Amino acid sequence: MRRLNDAEIKSAIIKKWDTDAEYYDTHVSHGIQTVEEKDLWADLFRELIRSGSREVLDVGGGTGAMALILAEMGHIVKGIDLSEGMMDVGRKKAEARGVVVDFSRGDAESLSFADDTFDVVVNRHLLWTLPHPEKALSEWKRVVRPGGMVVVIDGLWDDGSPGTKFRQSLGRCLSKIFNPDTRGASGYSEELSGSLPHAGGVSMNEAQNFFVRAGFSDISVKKLHTIRENQRSRKEWYQNLGYDWEYYAISGTKRE
């Protein structure tokens, strides 16, 4: 199978998320669908981010799930993404909720911002889809002010084991039977997945090593069991067959 180059990877990613933008938030673990889950995310950010209004960059923020919560908490938030379709959904949600988030197109691996621009860089479900995650960590660190923080929320949903692959395959088959409307639920193509280094997700230990190699201090890892179980409670039993995966938030500080 031919491996895509960087330009082809990003073009395929844009096409995928532009196509699925309308349906993205309808899926549990994508959109924030309940007040309870929203509060859990807000609790996490209160735990990680120093009190007071901070300038936050949400990288690869898609439809603005994290950006909107942070803006409602009083932070000044800018969201970037490759997909205009996803951000258009985010803009509509921000307008409906009466909050301000500045959405603009941007590449997570090559930011257009000057050094030391933000207090916090945050992203959710992004690290796994990057062709060069270590380059991205370096960029996020560059645009954070000294003493500022980078927060990555991600997980490992396919460890490559036969058991995991069987449960996920069975879950997908049953989903097609019980819930044939799977718009926006399909994954990346085989060609695109095969061109990414972490298409099955990024383990907690590997993500932590990215932070270490990028030179962050005060690196902290938090397992997101409560959020994951909240999401599991709203899935059908057959959807949970392959859903018992590692989920975490990892943060690191740029030295003063």
C-alpha atoms as a PDB file:
ATOM      1  CA  MET A   1       0.000   0.000   0.000  1.00  0.00           C
ATOM      2  CA  ARG A   2       1.362   3.420  -0.983  1.00  0.00           C
ATOM      3  CA  ARG A   3       2.078   5.845   1.850  1.00  0.00           C
ATOM      4  CA  LEU A   4       0.667   9.335   1.389  1.00  0.00           C
ATOM      5  CA  ASN A   5       2.937  12.361   1.607  1.00  0.00           C
ATOM      6  CA  ASP A   6       2.195  15.180   4.061  1.00  0.00           C
ATOM      7  CA  ALA A   7       0.176  17.264   1.596  1.00  0.00           C
ATOM      8  CA  GLU A   8      -1.927  14.234   0.629  1.00  0.00           C
ATOM      9  CA  ILE A   9      -2.475  13.312   4.287  1.00  0.00           C
ATOM     10  CA  LYS A  10      -3.757  16.755   5.188  1.00  0.00           C
ATOM     11  CA  SER A  11      -5.913  16.985   2.076  1.00  0.00           C
ATOM     12  CA  ALA A  12      -7.513  13.636   2.950  1.00  0.00           C
ATOM     13  CA  ILE A  13      -8.063  14.736   6.562  1.00  0.00           C
ATOM     14  CA  ILE A  14      -9.741  17.965   5.450  1.00  0.00           C
ATOM     15  CA  LYS A  15     -12.020  16.065   3.075  1.00  0.00           C
ATOM     16  CA  LYS A  16     -12.953  13.545   5.790  1.00  0.00           C
ATOM     17  CA  TRP A  17     -13.870  16.130   8.436  1.00  0.00           C
ATOM     18  CA  ASP A  18     -15.549  18.556   6.031  1.00  0.00           C
ATOM     19  CA  THR A  19     -17.765  15.668   4.939  1.00  0.00           C
ATOM     20  CA  ASP A  20     -18.535  14.515   8.492  1.00  0.00           C
ATOM     21  CA  ALA A  21     -18.818  17.943  10.148  1.00  0.00           C
ATOM     22  CA  GLU A  22     -22.627  17.975  10.216  1.00  0.00           C
ATOM     23  CA  TYR A  23     -22.760  14.660  12.075  1.00  0.00           C
ATOM     24  CA  TYR A  24     -19.647  14.885  14.253  1.00  0.00           C
ATOM     25  CA  ASP A  25     -21.371  16.144  17.408  1.00  0.00           C
ATOM     26  CA  THR A  26     -24.087  13.483  17.218  1.00  0.00           C
ATOM     27  CA  HIS A  27     -21.643  10.804  18.336  1.00  0.00           C
ATOM     28  CA  VAL A  28     -20.864  10.147  21.985  1.00  0.00           C
ATOM     29  CA  SER A  29     -17.230  11.069  22.785  1.00  0.00           C
ATOM     30  CA  HIS A  30     -17.266  13.628  19.960  1.00  0.00           C
ATOM     31  CA  GLY A  31     -19.876  16.200  20.867  1.00  0.00           C
ATOM     32  CA  ILE A  32     -20.573  17.210  24.478  1.00  0.00           C
ATOM     33  CA  GLN A  33     -24.149  16.023  24.720  1.00  0.00           C
ATOM     34  CA  THR A  34     -25.095  16.396  28.395  1.00  0.00           C
ATOM     35  CA  VAL A  35     -24.692  18.982  31.126  1.00  0.00           C
ATOM     36  CA  GLU A  36     -23.077  16.320  33.300  1.00  0.00           C
ATOM     37  CA  GLU A  37     -20.306  15.646  30.776  1.00  0.00           C
ATOM     38  CA  LYS A  38     -19.809  19.368  30.183  1.00  0.00           C
ATOM     39  CA  ASP A  39     -19.338  19.865  33.916  1.00  0.00           C
ATOM     40  CA  LEU A  40     -16.772  17.054  34.052  1.00  0.00           C
ATOM     41  CA  TRP A  41     -14.707  18.741  31.351  1.00  0.00           C
ATOM     42  CA  ALA A  42     -14.987  22.101  33.119  1.00  0.00           C
ATOM     43  CA  ASP A  43     -13.810  20.458  36.360  1.00  0.00           C
ATOM     44  CA  LEU A  44     -10.780  19.075  34.521  1.00  0.00           C
ATOM     45  CA  PHE A  45      -9.831  22.486  33.141  1.00  0.00           C
ATOM     46  CA  ARG A  46     -10.291  24.134  36.540  1.00  0.00           C
ATOM     47  CA  GLU A  47      -7.903  21.552  37.947  1.00  0.00           C
ATOM     48  CA  LEU A  48      -5.267  22.066  35.253  1.00  0.00           C
ATOM     49  CA  ILE A  49      -5.422  25.784  34.408  1.00  0.00           C
ATOM     50  CA  ARG A  50      -4.587  28.521  36.870  1.00  0.00           C
ATOM     51  CA  SER A  51      -7.489  30.680  37.981  1.00  0.00           C
ATOM     52  CA  GLY A  52      -8.276  33.894  36.139  1.00  0.00           C
ATOM     53  CA  SER A  53      -8.889  34.620  32.496  1.00  0.00           C
ATOM     54  CA  ARG A  54      -6.226  33.043  30.256  1.00  0.00           C
ATOM     55  CA  GLU A  55      -5.477  33.334  26.555  1.00  0.00           C
ATOM     56  CA  VAL A  56      -6.070  29.847  25.193  1.00  0.00           C
ATOM     57  CA  LEU A  57      -5.369  28.287  21.809  1.00  0.00           C
ATOM     58  CA  ASP A  58      -7.475  25.228  20.987  1.00  0.00           C
ATOM     59  CA  VAL A  59      -5.488  23.385  18.316  1.00  0.00           C
ATOM     60  CA  GLY A  60      -7.384  21.100  15.951  1.00  0.00           C
ATOM     61  CA  GLY A  61     -10.494  22.046  17.872  1.00  0.00           C
ATOM     62  CA  GLY A  62     -12.998  20.999  15.203  1.00  0.00           C
ATOM     63  CA  THR A  63     -16.539  21.957  16.199  1.00  0.00           C
ATOM     64  CA  GLY A  64     -15.293  23.716  19.317  1.00  0.00           C
ATOM     65  CA  ALA A  65     -16.268  21.226  22.041  1.00  0.00           C
ATOM     66  CA  MET A  66     -13.387  22.250  24.323  1.00  0.00           C
ATOM     67  CA  ALA A  67     -13.152  25.854  23.093  1.00  0.00           C
ATOM     68  CA  LEU A  68     -16.754  26.624  23.996  1.00  0.00           C
ATOM     69  CA  ILE A  69     -16.406  25.221  27.504  1.00  0.00           C
ATOM     70  CA  LEU A  70     -13.228  27.230  28.061  1.00  0.00           C
ATOM     71  CA  ALA A  71     -14.855  30.404  26.716  1.00  0.00           C
ATOM     72  CA  GLU A  72     -17.843  29.942  29.019  1.00  0.00           C
ATOM     73  CA  MET A  73     -15.380  29.639  31.898  1.00  0.00           C
ATOM     74  CA  GLY A  74     -14.160  33.156  31.079  1.00  0.00           C
ATOM     75  CA  HIS A  75     -11.041  32.410  29.046  1.00  0.00           C
ATOM     76  CA  ILE A  76     -10.137  34.206  25.813  1.00  0.00           C
ATOM     77  CA  VAL A  77     -10.152  31.406  23.267  1.00  0.00           C
ATOM     78  CA  LYS A  78      -8.899  31.049  19.721  1.00  0.00           C
ATOM     79  CA  GLY A  79      -9.635  27.821  17.852  1.00  0.00           C
ATOM     80  CA  ILE A  80      -7.834  26.561  14.758  1.00  0.00           C
ATOM     81  CA  ASP A  81      -8.480  23.577  12.529  1.00  0.00           C
ATOM     82  CA  LEU A  82      -7.749  22.399   8.995  1.00  0.00           C
ATOM     83  CA  SER A  83     -11.454  21.807   8.345  1.00  0.00           C
ATOM     84  CA  GLU A  84     -13.599  24.858   7.632  1.00  0.00           C
ATOM     85  CA  GLY A  85     -16.649  22.605   7.733  1.00  0.00           C
ATOM     86  CA  MET A  86     -15.979  21.630  11.335  1.00  0.00           C
ATOM     87  CA  MET A  87     -15.290  25.215  12.364  1.00  0.00           C
ATOM     88  CA  ASP A  88     -18.486  26.429  10.703  1.00  0.00           C
ATOM     89  CA  VAL A  89     -20.390  24.137  13.062  1.00  0.00           C
ATOM     90  CA  GLY A  90     -18.380  25.550  15.949  1.00  0.00           C
ATOM     91  CA  ARG A  91     -19.156  29.135  14.934  1.00  0.00           C
ATOM     92  CA  LYS A  92     -22.889  28.380  14.885  1.00  0.00           C
ATOM     93  CA  LYS A  93     -22.708  26.768  18.321  1.00  0.00           C
ATOM     94  CA  ALA A  94     -20.789  29.746  19.738  1.00  0.00           C
ATOM     95  CA  GLU A  95     -23.377  32.173  18.376  1.00  0.00           C
ATOM     96  CA  ALA A  96     -26.248  30.091  19.754  1.00  0.00           C
ATOM     97  CA  ARG A  97     -24.643  29.958  23.198  1.00  0.00           C
ATOM     98  CA  GLY A  98     -23.662  33.623  23.240  1.00  0.00           C
ATOM     99  CA  VAL A  99     -19.941  33.067  23.700  1.00  0.00           C
ATOM    100  CA  VAL A 100     -16.977  34.354  21.711  1.00  0.00           C
ATOM    101  CA  VAL A 101     -14.469  31.972  20.145  1.00  0.00           C
ATOM    102  CA  ASP A 102     -12.229  33.165  17.321  1.00  0.00           C
ATOM    103  CA  PHE A 103     -12.141  30.297  14.801  1.00  0.00           C
ATOM    104  CA  SER A 104      -9.623  30.379  11.942  1.00  0.00           C
ATOM    105  CA  ARG A 105      -7.929  27.884   9.665  1.00  0.00           C
ATOM    106  CA  GLY A 106      -4.580  26.641  10.876  1.00  0.00           C
ATOM    107  CA  ASP A 107      -2.175  23.710  10.788  1.00  0.00           C
ATOM    108  CA  ALA A 108      -1.368  22.178  14.181  1.00  0.00           C
ATOM    109  CA  GLU A 109       2.144  21.285  13.029  1.00  0.00           C
ATOM    110  CA  SER A 110       2.965  24.727  11.614  1.00  0.00           C
ATOM    111  CA  LEU A 111       1.359  27.533  13.604  1.00  0.00           C
ATOM    112  CA  SER A 112       1.196  31.078  12.265  1.00  0.00           C
ATOM    113  CA  PHE A 113       1.451  32.702  15.711  1.00  0.00           C
ATOM    114  CA  ALA A 114       4.478  34.439  17.158  1.00  0.00           C
ATOM    115  CA  ASP A 115       6.489  32.963  20.020  1.00  0.00           C
ATOM    116  CA  ASP A 116       5.057  33.355  23.536  1.00  0.00           C
ATOM    117  CA  THR A 117       1.534  34.323  22.429  1.00  0.00           C
ATOM    118  CA  PHE A 118      -0.764  32.167  24.622  1.00  0.00           C
ATOM    119  CA  ASP A 119      -1.049  31.116  28.233  1.00  0.00           C
ATOM    120  CA  VAL A 120      -2.433  27.696  27.362  1.00  0.00           C
ATOM    121  CA  VAL A 121      -2.522  25.446  24.303  1.00  0.00           C
ATOM    122  CA  VAL A 122      -5.092  22.663  24.491  1.00  0.00           C
ATOM    123  CA  ASN A 123      -6.245  19.947  22.141  1.00  0.00           C
ATOM    124  CA  ARG A 124      -8.503  16.901  22.271  1.00  0.00           C
ATOM    125  CA  HIS A 125      -8.367  13.840  20.006  1.00  0.00           C
ATOM    126  CA  LEU A 126      -5.683  15.397  17.798  1.00  0.00           C
ATOM    127  CA  LEU A 127      -2.306  13.833  18.614  1.00  0.00           C
ATOM    128  CA  TRP A 128      -3.228  10.501  17.023  1.00  0.00           C
ATOM    129  CA  THR A 129      -4.081  12.061  13.648  1.00  0.00           C
ATOM    130  CA  LEU A 130      -0.850  14.032  13.183  1.00  0.00           C
ATOM    131  CA  PRO A 131       1.866  12.814  10.804  1.00  0.00           C
ATOM    132  CA  HIS A 132       4.528  14.525  12.973  1.00  0.00           C
ATOM    133  CA  PRO A 133       3.375  14.689  16.609  1.00  0.00           C
ATOM    134  CA  GLU A 134       6.779  15.637  17.999  1.00  0.00           C
ATOM    135  CA  LYS A 135       6.989  18.584  15.618  1.00  0.00           C
ATOM    136  CA  ALA A 136       3.535  19.635  16.785  1.00  0.00           C
ATOM    137  CA  LEU A 137       4.563  19.523  20.468  1.00  0.00           C
ATOM    138  CA  SER A 138       7.514  21.749  19.643  1.00  0.00           C
ATOM    139  CA  GLU A 139       5.223  24.249  17.912  1.00  0.00           C
ATOM    140  CA  TRP A 140       2.727  24.275  20.787  1.00  0.00           C
ATOM    141  CA  LYS A 141       5.534  24.884  23.243  1.00  0.00           C
ATOM    142  CA  ARG A 142       6.896  27.695  21.064  1.00  0.00           C
ATOM    143  CA  VAL A 143       3.672  29.715  21.106  1.00  0.00           C
ATOM    144  CA  VAL A 144       3.101  29.305  24.860  1.00  0.00           C
ATOM    145  CA  ARG A 145       4.464  31.980  27.152  1.00  0.00           C
ATOM    146  CA  PRO A 146       7.101  31.014  29.724  1.00  0.00           C
ATOM    147  CA  GLY A 147       5.210  29.495  32.630  1.00  0.00           C
ATOM    148  CA  GLY A 148       2.371  28.575  30.310  1.00  0.00           C
ATOM    149  CA  MET A 149       0.942  25.124  29.737  1.00  0.00           C
ATOM    150  CA  VAL A 150       0.145  22.638  26.991  1.00  0.00           C
ATOM    151  CA  VAL A 151      -2.720  20.196  27.617  1.00  0.00           C
ATOM    152  CA  VAL A 152      -3.248  17.136  25.398  1.00  0.00           C
ATOM    153  CA  ILE A 153      -6.336  14.932  25.702  1.00  0.00           C
ATOM    154  CA  ASP A 154      -6.096  11.680  23.784  1.00  0.00           C
ATOM    155  CA  GLY A 155      -6.218   7.923  24.098  1.00  0.00           C
ATOM    156  CA  LEU A 156      -5.258   4.514  22.787  1.00  0.00           C
ATOM    157  CA  TRP A 157      -8.263   2.662  21.351  1.00  0.00           C
ATOM    158  CA  ASP A 158      -6.477   0.062  19.243  1.00  0.00           C
ATOM    159  CA  ASP A 159      -3.453  -1.560  20.864  1.00  0.00           C
ATOM    160  CA  GLY A 160      -3.109  -3.956  17.935  1.00  0.00           C
ATOM    161  CA  SER A 161      -3.988  -7.041  19.951  1.00  0.00           C
ATOM    162  CA  PRO A 162      -6.232  -9.730  18.409  1.00  0.00           C
ATOM    163  CA  GLY A 163      -8.739  -9.339  21.254  1.00  0.00           C
ATOM    164  CA  THR A 164      -9.128  -5.602  20.685  1.00  0.00           C
ATOM    165  CA  LYS A 165      -9.497  -6.008  16.945  1.00  0.00           C
ATOM    166  CA  PHE A 166     -12.127  -8.750  17.405  1.00  0.00           C
ATOM    167  CA  ARG A 167     -14.226  -6.700  19.856  1.00  0.00           C
ATOM    168  CA  GLN A 168     -14.073  -3.594  17.684  1.00  0.00           C
ATOM    169  CA  SER A 169     -14.935  -5.519  14.533  1.00  0.00           C
ATOM    170  CA  LEU A 170     -17.869  -7.205  16.280  1.00  0.00           C
ATOM    171  CA  GLY A 171     -19.064  -3.848  17.640  1.00  0.00           C
ATOM    172  CA  ARG A 172     -18.989  -2.296  14.169  1.00  0.00           C
ATOM    173  CA  CYS A 173     -20.916  -5.207  12.666  1.00  0.00           C
ATOM    174  CA  LEU A 174     -23.597  -5.058  15.358  1.00  0.00           C
ATOM    175  CA  SER A 175     -23.845  -1.288  15.007  1.00  0.00           C
ATOM    176  CA  LYS A 176     -24.629  -1.685  11.315  1.00  0.00           C
ATOM    177  CA  ILE A 177     -27.429  -4.083  12.229  1.00  0.00           C
ATOM    178  CA  PHE A 178     -28.992  -2.176  15.135  1.00  0.00           C
ATOM    179  CA  ASN A 179     -28.162   1.367  14.023  1.00  0.00           C
ATOM    180  CA  PRO A 180     -27.691   1.484  10.250  1.00  0.00           C
ATOM    181  CA  ASP A 181     -27.451   5.302  10.212  1.00  0.00           C
ATOM    182  CA  THR A 182     -23.696   5.541  10.732  1.00  0.00           C
ATOM    183  CA  ARG A 183     -23.130   8.907   9.082  1.00  0.00           C
ATOM    184  CA  GLY A 184     -20.020  10.546  10.483  1.00  0.00           C
ATOM    185  CA  ALA A 185     -19.020   7.391  12.369  1.00  0.00           C
ATOM    186  CA  SER A 186     -16.651   5.869   9.831  1.00  0.00           C
ATOM    187  CA  GLY A 187     -12.928   6.001  10.446  1.00  0.00           C
ATOM    188  CA  TYR A 188     -10.102   6.978   8.148  1.00  0.00           C
ATOM    189  CA  SER A 189      -9.491   5.082   4.941  1.00  0.00           C
ATOM    190  CA  GLU A 190      -6.977   2.249   5.012  1.00  0.00           C
ATOM    191  CA  GLU A 191      -4.586   4.352   2.917  1.00  0.00           C
ATOM    192  CA  LEU A 192      -4.810   7.346   5.259  1.00  0.00           C
ATOM    193  CA  SER A 193      -4.570   5.268   8.429  1.00  0.00           C
ATOM    194  CA  GLY A 194      -1.564   3.447   7.019  1.00  0.00           C
ATOM    195  CA  SER A 195       0.192   6.765   6.439  1.00  0.00           C
ATOM    196  CA  LEU A 196      -0.149   7.946  10.045  1.00  0.00           C
ATOM    197  CA  PRO A 197       2.234   6.808  12.802  1.00  0.00           C
ATOM    198  CA  HIS A 198      -0.471   6.595  15.500  1.00  0.00           C
ATOM    199  CA  ALA A 199      -3.741   5.810  13.715  1.00  0.00           C
ATOM    200  CA  GLY A 200      -4.771   3.508  16.575  1.00  0.00           C
ATOM    201  CA  GLY A 201      -4.228   6.221  19.155  1.00  0.00           C
ATOM    202  CA  VAL A 202      -1.301   7.235  21.353  1.00  0.00           C
ATOM    203  CA  SER A 203      -0.560   5.398  24.571  1.00  0.00           C
ATOM    204  CA  MET A 204      -0.306   7.395  27.767  1.00  0.00           C
ATOM    205  CA  ASN A 205       3.360   6.501  28.178  1.00  0.00           C
ATOM    206  CA  GLU A 206       4.182   7.488  24.620  1.00  0.00           C
ATOM    207  CA  ALA A 207       2.412  10.831  24.981  1.00  0.00           C
ATOM    208  CA  GLN A 208       4.313  11.463  28.187  1.00  0.00           C
ATOM    209  CA  ASN A 209       7.574  10.741  26.364  1.00  0.00           C
ATOM    210  CA  PHE A 210       6.632  13.317  23.704  1.00  0.00           C
ATOM    211  CA  PHE A 211       6.369  15.923  26.469  1.00  0.00           C
ATOM    212  CA  VAL A 212       9.678  14.872  28.000  1.00  0.00           C
ATOM    213  CA  ARG A 213      11.521  15.054  24.683  1.00  0.00           C
ATOM    214  CA  ALA A 214       9.944  18.462  23.959  1.00  0.00           C
ATOM    215  CA  GLY A 215      11.496  19.782  27.174  1.00  0.00           C
ATOM    216  CA  PHE A 216       8.375  20.496  29.244  1.00  0.00           C
ATOM    217  CA  SER A 217       8.574  20.641  33.028  1.00  0.00           C
ATOM    218  CA  ASP A 218       5.999  19.683  35.674  1.00  0.00           C
ATOM    219  CA  ILE A 219       4.568  16.997  33.400  1.00  0.00           C
ATOM    220  CA  SER A 220       1.357  15.554  34.807  1.00  0.00           C
ATOM    221  CA  VAL A 221      -0.840  12.692  33.590  1.00  0.00           C
ATOM    222  CA  LYS A 222      -4.475  12.219  34.600  1.00  0.00           C
ATOM    223  CA  LYS A 223      -6.572   9.225  33.615  1.00  0.00           C
ATOM    224  CA  LEU A 224     -10.045  10.294  32.514  1.00  0.00           C
ATOM    225  CA  HIS A 225     -11.994   7.345  33.900  1.00  0.00           C
ATOM    226  CA  THR A 226     -14.964   9.425  35.014  1.00  0.00           C
ATOM    227  CA  ILE A 227     -15.439  11.081  31.629  1.00  0.00           C
ATOM    228  CA  ARG A 228     -15.012   7.805  29.788  1.00  0.00           C
ATOM    229  CA  GLU A 229     -17.559   6.049  32.016  1.00  0.00           C
ATOM    230  CA  ASN A 230     -19.987   8.938  31.550  1.00  0.00           C
ATOM    231  CA  GLN A 231     -19.698   8.450  27.801  1.00  0.00           C
ATOM    232  CA  ARG A 232     -20.003   4.666  28.058  1.00  0.00           C
ATOM    233  CA  SER A 233     -23.251   5.055  29.993  1.00  0.00           C
ATOM    234  CA  ARG A 234     -24.822   6.725  26.945  1.00  0.00           C
ATOM    235  CA  LYS A 235     -23.711   4.097  24.440  1.00  0.00           C
ATOM    236  CA  GLU A 236     -25.538   0.923  23.500  1.00  0.00           C
ATOM    237  CA  TRP A 237     -24.059  -2.334  24.778  1.00  0.00           C
ATOM    238  CA  TYR A 238     -22.761  -3.319  21.351  1.00  0.00           C
ATOM    239  CA  GLN A 239     -21.075   0.070  20.952  1.00  0.00           C
ATOM    240  CA  ASN A 240     -19.167  -0.505  24.188  1.00  0.00           C
ATOM    241  CA  LEU A 241     -17.596  -3.772  23.061  1.00  0.00           C
ATOM    242  CA  GLY A 242     -14.547  -1.934  21.782  1.00  0.00           C
ATOM    243  CA  TYR A 243     -14.796   1.148  23.972  1.00  0.00           C
ATOM    244  CA  ASP A 244     -12.831   0.122  27.067  1.00  0.00           C
ATOM    245  CA  TRP A 245      -9.729   2.048  26.078  1.00  0.00           C
ATOM    246  CA  GLU A 246      -7.050   4.180  27.679  1.00  0.00           C
ATOM    247  CA  TYR A 247      -8.118   7.822  27.959  1.00  0.00           C
ATOM    248  CA  TYR A 248      -6.045  10.572  29.539  1.00  0.00           C
ATOM    249  CA  ALA A 249      -5.078  14.219  29.812  1.00  0.00           C
ATOM    250  CA  ILE A 250      -1.389  15.072  29.925  1.00  0.00           C
ATOM    251  CA  SER A 251      -0.046  18.541  30.655  1.00  0.00           C
ATOM    252  CA  GLY A 252       3.347  20.195  30.790  1.00  0.00           C
ATOM    253  CA  THR A 253       4.702  23.641  31.590  1.00  0.00           C
ATOM    254  CA  LYS A 254       7.111  25.746  29.544  1.00  0.00           C
ATOM    255  CA  ARG A 255       9.974  26.751  31.802  1.00  0.00           C
ATOM    256  CA  GLU A 256      10.100  30.393  32.890  1.00  0.00           C
END
